[in-house]
Structure formats: structure tokens, C-alpha cells
Amino acid sequence: MVAKMPGKNDIALKYTSMEKNMAKEWMKLADAGNHYALTFNDKTPGARLPLDSRKTYTKSAWIIRTATLTSDKKQFEERSGV
């Protein structure tokens, strides 16, 4: 989605395929029984940098990824810094 918004469709197709495969693997790695953990290798609550809004800091990749949730190009550019 990050590549698709500015019209780089060939790159978008390549990485969308890779992303789908990674998502399947991440689901296995994050499986903590009755929920998905926010980390892959440590199921202890609060053990790693959060990827959600429970803290005021987060990974920059997560900020860019969430920018792809909009279909509005102007909002995408504002949120991602692209």
C-alpha cells in the first residue's frame, strides 16, 4: 500500500505478495493461546516495544504502515511523511 499510493504498482504487487506470506508466519509466531502477542519471541505482557496506542512511543515502521489505512492520498502523505 505504501508503494501503491504514489502509483508504483509493480513494486506494490511484489511486496503485497511477500507481505501475505509474512503475515501467515507472524500469526504463528505471535500465537499466545487465546490472543496474539505484540511480540514474536516473548509472550510476557509488556516485554517489548508496543506497536499500539498504549504508550506515547512506537516503532516508526508502524506509523508508516498505519498511514496506508487511508485511501486519501493527501492524508497518506501527511501521516507517512512521504
Protein backbone atom coordinates (compact mmCIF):
# COMPACT_ATOMS: atom_id res chain seq x y z
CA MET A 1 0.00 0.00 0.00
CA VAL A 2 2.89 2.36 0.69
CA ALA A 3 4.11 1.91 -2.89
CA LYS A 4 0.62 1.82 -4.43
CA MET A 5 -0.43 5.26 -3.17
CA PRO A 6 2.21 7.09 -5.25
CA GLY A 7 1.45 4.83 -8.26
CA LYS A 8 4.35 2.36 -8.06
CA ASN A 9 2.14 -0.64 -8.86
CA ASP A 10 4.92 -3.08 -9.86
CA ILE A 11 6.62 -2.58 -6.52
CA ALA A 12 3.27 -2.79 -4.73
CA LEU A 13 2.49 -6.19 -6.28
CA LYS A 14 5.90 -7.58 -5.34
CA TYR A 15 5.68 -6.55 -1.71
CA THR A 16 1.99 -7.39 -1.31
CA SER A 17 2.80 -11.00 -2.17
CA MET A 18 5.70 -11.05 0.29
CA GLU A 19 3.55 -9.42 2.96
CA LYS A 20 0.81 -12.03 2.67
CA ASN A 21 3.33 -14.80 3.24
CA MET A 22 4.91 -12.97 6.17
CA ALA A 23 1.51 -12.36 7.79
CA LYS A 24 0.86 -16.11 7.89
CA GLU A 25 4.20 -16.68 9.60
CA TRP A 26 3.68 -13.80 12.04
CA MET A 27 0.34 -15.26 13.09
CA LYS A 28 2.12 -18.48 14.06
CA LEU A 29 4.96 -16.68 15.86
CA ALA A 30 2.67 -14.34 17.83
CA ASP A 31 0.14 -17.00 18.85
CA ALA A 32 -0.17 -16.80 22.62
CA GLY A 33 -3.11 -19.17 23.01
CA ASN A 34 -6.29 -17.15 23.29
CA HIS A 35 -4.83 -13.97 21.73
CA TYR A 36 -1.92 -12.70 19.64
CA ALA A 37 1.08 -11.29 21.49
CA LEU A 38 2.62 -7.99 20.41
CA THR A 39 5.98 -9.75 20.16
CA PHE A 40 7.11 -12.93 18.44
CA ASN A 41 9.60 -14.44 20.86
CA ASP A 42 8.44 -13.33 24.32
CA LYS A 43 4.82 -13.76 25.39
CA THR A 44 5.32 -11.87 28.68
CA PRO A 45 2.92 -8.87 28.73
CA GLY A 46 4.78 -5.58 28.33
CA ALA A 47 8.11 -7.25 27.49
CA ARG A 48 8.83 -5.37 24.24
CA LEU A 49 8.27 -2.02 22.49
CA PRO A 50 4.49 -1.70 21.97
CA LEU A 51 3.02 -1.46 18.49
CA ASP A 52 -0.22 0.11 19.62
CA SER A 53 -1.51 3.21 21.37
CA ARG A 54 -0.91 2.07 24.96
CA LYS A 55 2.27 4.15 25.06
CA THR A 56 3.27 7.52 23.64
CA TYR A 57 6.09 5.97 21.61
CA THR A 58 6.03 3.29 18.93
CA LYS A 59 8.08 1.98 16.04
CA SER A 60 8.34 4.32 13.06
CA ALA A 61 7.52 1.47 10.66
CA TRP A 62 4.21 1.07 12.44
CA ILE A 63 3.41 4.75 11.89
CA ILE A 64 4.03 4.40 8.15
CA ARG A 65 2.07 1.15 7.99
CA THR A 66 -0.96 2.70 9.66
CA ALA A 67 -0.82 5.58 7.18
CA THR A 68 -1.72 3.07 4.47
CA LEU A 69 -5.12 2.55 6.08
CA THR A 70 -6.42 5.67 4.36
CA SER A 71 -7.47 5.74 0.73
CA ASP A 72 -6.99 9.51 0.59
CA LYS A 73 -3.62 10.40 -0.98
CA LYS A 74 -3.31 13.72 0.91
CA GLN A 75 -3.90 12.02 4.29
CA PHE A 76 -1.41 9.29 3.37
CA GLU A 77 1.28 11.86 2.59
CA GLU A 78 0.57 13.78 5.81
CA ARG A 79 0.67 10.69 8.01
CA SER A 80 3.60 8.90 6.43
CA GLY A 81 5.86 11.84 5.73
CA VAL A 82 6.20 10.74 2.10
